[in-house]
Amino acid sequence: MHLVGKILVVFVLVLSIFLMAFAGVVYNTHMSWRDATMAEKKKVEKAAKDLNDARTESERLVTEMKEKITAAEQKAAGSEADNQGLRGEVARLKKEVGDAQLARKTAAEQSVISGEEAVARHDEAASLRKLNHEQAQRIDAEFSMRTKLEDQVHSLQLDFDAARQKNRDLLAKVSVMQQALQSAGITADANELATKNSPPPRVEGIIEEVKPGKRQGSSELVEISLGSDDGMKVGHEATVYRSGLKAGQQAKYLGKILIVKTTPDKSVGQVIESSRNGVIKKGDNVTTRL
């Protein structure tokens, strides 16, 4: 498998693990809130039951206190000596009744608070259910996108394999063609072919310096006054001649040079020994017009 394919497989595997973990967290969160809601509902039901019990007990206590007050008042009417004590008992009983009423009111308020909390918990659970639904939709969309990406990766892999095979076929054909060109004595270097196919410009210059070959038996080199700014390129050929030095004397053909190096205003040429027709000296003429 190609490196790109391996990387994509690992990426898809990591993304799948991440999505599974995310779905597990969402599911656990949903179950936790549902359990919390049920617990709060049980608390509300218990609070309502306690409120009813408190109301019943309060009513019983009120009834009992009223009966005691009535009995105390009857005793007070029958005995002036016990009147003061009975009044204290009545006050105490009235206080107990007030405390019972206060307890009943407090229980009612707590029940209301518990109910409000239960409503808030219910709203919160509904909000979480909505969030869970949205997250489930997002997970489905991401799964669909992952499937689409996997299809694209597979298609690109097929295209890549086809292009690689085509490239191999083309390289094999190029190799065969290069061998055929070499067998025919034709260079396969594109730059060399372009240079040979590009004729030199029609320019004239002079020999500025003559240098002997660096190795014994090698051709001498000449530096001419024509450079790349004049249109000279490596591979161009030029003719060297000596113009008549005296009146009526004809120009003398000295040979040809092959340009091996260029600068903007100068070039270096190698003397083609097979074309030599004399000794080339500084000041001789160079032309590409012939």
Protein backbone atom coordinates (compact mmCIF):
# COMPACT_ATOMS: atom_id res chain seq x y z
CA MET A 1 0.00 0.00 0.00
CA HIS A 2 1.27 3.49 -0.82
CA LEU A 3 2.36 5.80 2.01
CA VAL A 4 -0.53 8.18 1.31
CA GLY A 5 -3.00 5.30 1.52
CA LYS A 6 -1.51 4.15 4.86
CA ILE A 7 -1.75 7.65 6.29
CA LEU A 8 -5.38 7.95 5.19
CA VAL A 9 -6.24 4.53 6.68
CA VAL A 10 -4.71 5.55 10.03
CA PHE A 11 -6.54 8.88 9.86
CA VAL A 12 -9.89 7.15 9.23
CA LEU A 13 -9.23 4.69 12.10
CA VAL A 14 -8.42 7.49 14.56
CA LEU A 15 -11.48 9.46 13.45
CA SER A 16 -13.68 6.36 13.93
CA ILE A 17 -12.35 5.82 17.48
CA PHE A 18 -12.96 9.48 18.27
CA LEU A 19 -16.54 9.35 16.98
CA MET A 20 -17.27 6.15 18.97
CA ALA A 21 -15.90 7.74 22.15
CA PHE A 22 -17.92 10.89 21.51
CA ALA A 23 -21.11 8.87 20.98
CA GLY A 24 -20.44 6.98 24.25
CA VAL A 25 -20.03 10.25 26.15
CA VAL A 26 -23.26 11.62 24.67
CA TYR A 27 -25.13 8.41 25.57
CA ASN A 28 -23.80 8.38 29.16
CA THR A 29 -24.68 12.08 29.54
CA HIS A 30 -28.22 11.41 28.31
CA MET A 31 -28.67 8.49 30.74
CA SER A 32 -27.26 10.52 33.66
CA TRP A 33 -29.71 13.38 33.08
CA ARG A 34 -32.61 10.95 32.72
CA ASP A 35 -31.70 9.33 36.05
CA ALA A 36 -31.36 12.77 37.65
CA THR A 37 -34.79 13.79 36.32
CA MET A 38 -36.40 10.64 37.72
CA ALA A 39 -34.73 11.26 41.09
CA GLU A 40 -36.01 14.85 41.17
CA LYS A 41 -39.49 13.63 40.24
CA LYS A 42 -39.43 11.19 43.17
CA LYS A 43 -38.30 14.02 45.46
CA VAL A 44 -41.24 16.16 44.30
CA GLU A 45 -43.67 13.31 44.89
CA LYS A 46 -42.20 12.74 48.36
CA ALA A 47 -42.39 16.48 49.12
CA ALA A 48 -46.06 16.54 48.05
CA LYS A 49 -46.78 13.53 50.25
CA ASP A 50 -44.96 15.15 53.19
CA LEU A 51 -46.97 18.34 52.60
CA ASN A 52 -50.24 16.45 52.69
CA ASP A 53 -49.15 14.65 55.84
CA ALA A 54 -48.14 17.99 57.39
CA ARG A 55 -51.49 19.52 56.48
CA THR A 56 -53.34 16.57 57.98
CA GLU A 57 -51.24 16.71 61.13
CA SER A 58 -51.67 20.49 61.32
CA GLU A 59 -55.44 20.23 61.00
CA ARG A 60 -55.45 17.53 63.65
CA LEU A 61 -53.36 19.70 65.94
CA VAL A 62 -55.61 22.72 65.33
CA THR A 63 -58.68 20.68 66.09
CA GLU A 64 -57.05 19.26 69.18
CA MET A 65 -55.90 22.70 70.31
CA LYS A 66 -59.36 24.17 69.77
CA GLU A 67 -60.83 21.39 71.84
CA LYS A 68 -58.30 22.04 74.57
CA ILE A 69 -58.95 25.78 74.43
CA THR A 70 -62.66 25.15 74.72
CA ALA A 71 -62.14 22.85 77.68
CA ALA A 72 -59.81 25.38 79.27
CA GLU A 73 -62.27 28.19 78.80
CA GLN A 74 -64.99 26.07 80.40
CA LYS A 75 -62.72 25.36 83.35
CA ALA A 76 -61.89 29.11 83.60
CA ALA A 77 -65.57 29.93 83.79
CA GLY A 78 -66.05 27.42 86.61
CA SER A 79 -63.10 28.46 88.76
CA GLU A 80 -61.72 31.98 89.11
CA ALA A 81 -58.79 30.65 91.07
CA ASP A 82 -57.61 28.58 88.14
CA ASN A 83 -58.34 31.39 85.64
CA GLN A 84 -54.79 32.72 85.55
CA GLY A 85 -53.30 29.30 84.91
CA LEU A 86 -55.83 28.50 82.27
CA ARG A 87 -55.07 31.75 80.47
CA GLY A 88 -51.40 30.79 80.38
CA GLU A 89 -52.34 27.38 79.02
CA VAL A 90 -54.53 29.02 76.39
CA ALA A 91 -51.66 31.30 75.37
CA ARG A 92 -49.35 28.32 75.15
CA LEU A 93 -51.85 26.40 73.09
CA LYS A 94 -52.38 29.39 70.82
CA LYS A 95 -48.61 29.61 70.34
CA GLU A 96 -48.50 25.92 69.43
CA VAL A 97 -51.29 26.51 66.93
CA GLY A 98 -49.35 29.43 65.43
CA ASP A 99 -46.23 27.29 65.22
CA ALA A 100 -48.21 24.54 63.53
CA GLN A 101 -49.66 27.02 61.03
CA LEU A 102 -46.17 28.42 60.40
CA ALA A 103 -44.83 24.90 59.85
CA ARG A 104 -47.66 24.20 57.44
CA LYS A 105 -46.90 27.43 55.54
CA THR A 106 -43.19 26.59 55.44
CA ALA A 107 -43.96 23.11 54.14
CA ALA A 108 -46.19 24.62 51.45
CA GLU A 109 -43.46 27.02 50.38
CA GLN A 110 -40.93 24.20 50.25
CA SER A 111 -43.34 22.19 48.12
CA VAL A 112 -43.68 25.12 45.71
CA ILE A 113 -39.89 25.46 45.54
CA SER A 114 -39.53 21.74 44.93
CA GLY A 115 -42.12 21.97 42.15
CA GLU A 116 -40.26 24.86 40.53
CA GLU A 117 -37.02 22.92 40.76
CA ALA A 118 -38.71 19.90 39.17
CA VAL A 119 -39.95 22.11 36.29
CA ALA A 120 -36.45 23.52 35.84
CA ARG A 121 -35.00 20.00 35.83
CA HIS A 122 -37.59 18.96 33.26
CA ASP A 123 -36.74 21.93 31.03
CA GLU A 124 -33.05 21.17 31.43
CA ALA A 125 -33.63 17.53 30.51
CA ALA A 126 -35.58 18.65 27.41
CA SER A 127 -32.71 20.94 26.44
CA LEU A 128 -30.25 18.08 26.86
CA ARG A 129 -32.43 15.80 24.77
CA LYS A 130 -32.43 18.45 22.03
CA LEU A 131 -28.64 18.78 22.31
CA ASN A 132 -28.29 15.01 22.17
CA HIS A 133 -30.42 14.92 19.03
CA GLU A 134 -28.34 17.65 17.41
CA GLN A 135 -25.13 15.83 18.32
CA ALA A 136 -26.52 12.60 16.87
CA GLN A 137 -27.31 14.45 13.64
CA ARG A 138 -23.80 15.91 13.61
CA ILE A 139 -22.31 12.44 14.11
CA ASP A 140 -24.42 11.11 11.22
CA ALA A 141 -23.25 13.98 9.00
CA GLU A 142 -19.60 13.37 9.95
CA PHE A 143 -20.00 9.65 9.27
CA SER A 144 -21.50 10.45 5.87
CA MET A 145 -18.62 12.84 5.16
CA ARG A 146 -16.10 10.19 6.23
CA THR A 147 -17.70 7.68 3.87
CA LYS A 148 -17.57 10.22 1.05
CA LEU A 149 -13.90 10.96 1.79
CA GLU A 150 -13.09 7.24 1.82
CA ASP A 151 -14.72 6.92 -1.61
CA GLN A 152 -12.69 9.90 -2.87
CA VAL A 153 -9.49 8.42 -1.45
CA HIS A 154 -10.21 5.11 -3.15
CA SER A 155 -10.92 6.87 -6.46
CA LEU A 156 -7.74 8.96 -6.15
CA GLN A 157 -5.74 5.84 -5.34
CA LEU A 158 -7.03 4.17 -8.49
CA ASP A 159 -6.20 7.29 -10.54
CA PHE A 160 -2.75 7.43 -8.95
CA ASP A 161 -2.05 3.77 -9.71
CA ALA A 162 -3.18 4.28 -13.32
CA ALA A 163 -1.00 7.41 -13.67
CA ARG A 164 2.00 5.62 -12.16
CA GLN A 165 1.58 2.71 -14.57
CA LYS A 166 1.24 5.15 -17.48
CA ASN A 167 4.38 6.96 -16.32
CA ARG A 168 6.26 3.66 -16.26
CA ASP A 169 5.08 2.88 -19.78
CA LEU A 170 6.16 6.34 -21.00
CA LEU A 171 9.57 6.01 -19.34
CA ALA A 172 10.04 2.65 -21.02
CA LYS A 173 9.12 4.18 -24.39
CA VAL A 174 11.47 7.14 -23.82
CA SER A 175 14.29 4.73 -22.94
CA VAL A 176 13.69 2.75 -26.14
CA MET A 177 13.62 5.96 -28.21
CA GLN A 178 16.85 7.23 -26.61
CA GLN A 179 18.55 3.94 -27.42
CA ALA A 180 17.28 4.17 -30.99
CA LEU A 181 18.58 7.75 -31.34
CA GLN A 182 21.96 6.80 -29.89
CA SER A 183 22.14 3.82 -32.27
CA ALA A 184 21.49 6.24 -35.15
CA GLY A 185 24.23 8.59 -33.91
CA ILE A 186 21.73 11.28 -32.82
CA THR A 187 22.01 12.90 -29.40
CA ALA A 188 19.04 12.57 -27.04
CA ASP A 189 19.92 15.74 -25.06
CA ALA A 190 17.06 18.21 -25.56
CA ASN A 191 19.25 21.24 -24.78
CA GLU A 192 21.90 20.15 -27.30
CA LEU A 193 19.25 19.52 -29.95
CA ALA A 194 17.71 22.94 -29.30
CA THR A 195 21.15 24.57 -29.66
CA LYS A 196 21.87 22.78 -32.90
CA ASN A 197 18.49 23.68 -34.30
CA SER A 198 19.01 27.34 -33.42
CA PRO A 199 21.31 28.97 -36.02
CA PRO A 200 23.82 31.60 -34.87
CA PRO A 201 23.04 35.26 -35.56
CA ARG A 202 24.82 37.03 -38.43
CA VAL A 203 27.48 38.90 -36.47
CA GLU A 204 31.17 39.74 -36.75
CA GLY A 205 33.90 40.15 -34.15
CA ILE A 206 37.61 39.69 -33.53
CA ILE A 207 39.92 37.27 -31.72
CA GLU A 208 40.89 38.90 -28.43
CA GLU A 209 43.08 36.12 -27.03
CA VAL A 210 44.48 32.75 -28.06
CA LYS A 211 45.12 30.04 -25.46
CA PRO A 212 46.82 26.70 -26.11
CA GLY A 213 45.08 23.47 -25.12
CA LYS A 214 45.37 22.51 -21.49
CA ARG A 215 46.44 18.97 -22.38
CA GLN A 216 48.87 17.79 -25.00
CA GLY A 217 47.08 17.12 -28.24
CA SER A 218 43.96 19.09 -27.28
CA SER A 219 42.65 21.91 -29.46
CA GLU A 220 43.53 25.47 -28.64
CA LEU A 221 40.94 27.90 -27.29
CA VAL A 222 40.22 31.44 -28.49
CA GLU A 223 38.37 34.27 -26.82
CA ILE A 224 36.22 36.40 -29.14
CA SER A 225 34.47 39.74 -28.75
CA LEU A 226 30.97 38.27 -29.31
CA GLY A 227 28.87 37.15 -26.31
CA SER A 228 25.37 36.04 -25.33
CA ASP A 229 24.13 39.63 -25.71
CA ASP A 230 25.05 39.28 -29.39
CA GLY A 231 23.05 36.05 -29.65
CA MET A 232 25.91 33.57 -29.33
CA LYS A 233 25.17 30.25 -27.62
CA VAL A 234 27.12 27.15 -26.69
CA GLY A 235 27.24 24.89 -29.75
CA HIS A 236 27.28 27.66 -32.36
CA GLU A 237 30.05 27.66 -34.93
CA ALA A 238 31.94 30.66 -36.32
CA THR A 239 34.50 31.19 -39.08
CA VAL A 240 37.94 32.70 -38.39
CA TYR A 241 39.70 34.60 -41.16
CA ARG A 242 42.40 37.25 -41.57
CA SER A 243 41.53 40.27 -43.67
CA GLY A 244 44.03 41.60 -46.21
CA LEU A 245 46.78 43.52 -44.46
CA LYS A 246 47.97 45.23 -47.64
CA ALA A 247 46.13 46.88 -50.47
CA GLY A 248 44.91 44.29 -52.92
CA GLN A 249 45.63 41.40 -50.57
CA GLN A 250 42.71 38.97 -50.15
CA ALA A 251 41.31 37.71 -46.85
CA LYS A 252 42.61 34.34 -45.71
CA TYR A 253 40.40 31.58 -44.28
CA LEU A 254 41.99 30.21 -41.09
CA GLY A 255 39.42 27.68 -39.84
CA LYS A 256 36.30 27.28 -37.67
CA ILE A 257 35.64 27.40 -33.94
CA LEU A 258 32.94 25.78 -31.79
CA ILE A 259 31.56 27.97 -28.99
CA VAL A 260 31.98 26.18 -25.63
CA LYS A 261 31.34 29.02 -23.19
CA THR A 262 29.54 32.39 -23.28
CA THR A 263 29.30 35.54 -21.17
CA PRO A 264 27.21 38.63 -21.93
CA ASP A 265 30.02 40.32 -23.98
CA LYS A 266 32.55 37.53 -24.72
CA SER A 267 32.67 33.88 -25.74
CA VAL A 268 35.23 31.08 -25.71
CA GLY A 269 35.56 28.89 -28.80
CA GLN A 270 37.45 25.67 -29.43
CA VAL A 271 39.32 25.45 -32.72
CA ILE A 272 37.99 22.66 -34.93
CA GLU A 273 41.26 21.04 -36.02
CA SER A 274 39.77 19.44 -39.08
CA SER A 275 38.95 22.90 -40.44
CA ARG A 276 42.24 24.60 -39.55
CA ASN A 277 43.95 26.41 -42.47
CA GLY A 278 46.60 28.43 -40.67
CA VAL A 279 47.75 29.85 -37.36
CA ILE A 280 45.06 31.86 -35.56
CA LYS A 281 46.33 35.03 -33.90
CA LYS A 282 45.00 37.84 -31.74
CA GLY A 283 43.20 40.41 -33.92
CA ASP A 284 41.98 37.94 -36.56
CA ASN A 285 38.38 38.30 -37.65
CA VAL A 286 35.43 36.13 -36.56
CA THR A 287 32.13 35.92 -38.45
CA THR A 288 28.98 33.83 -38.65
CA ARG A 289 27.93 35.28 -42.01
CA LEU A 290 29.64 32.65 -44.13
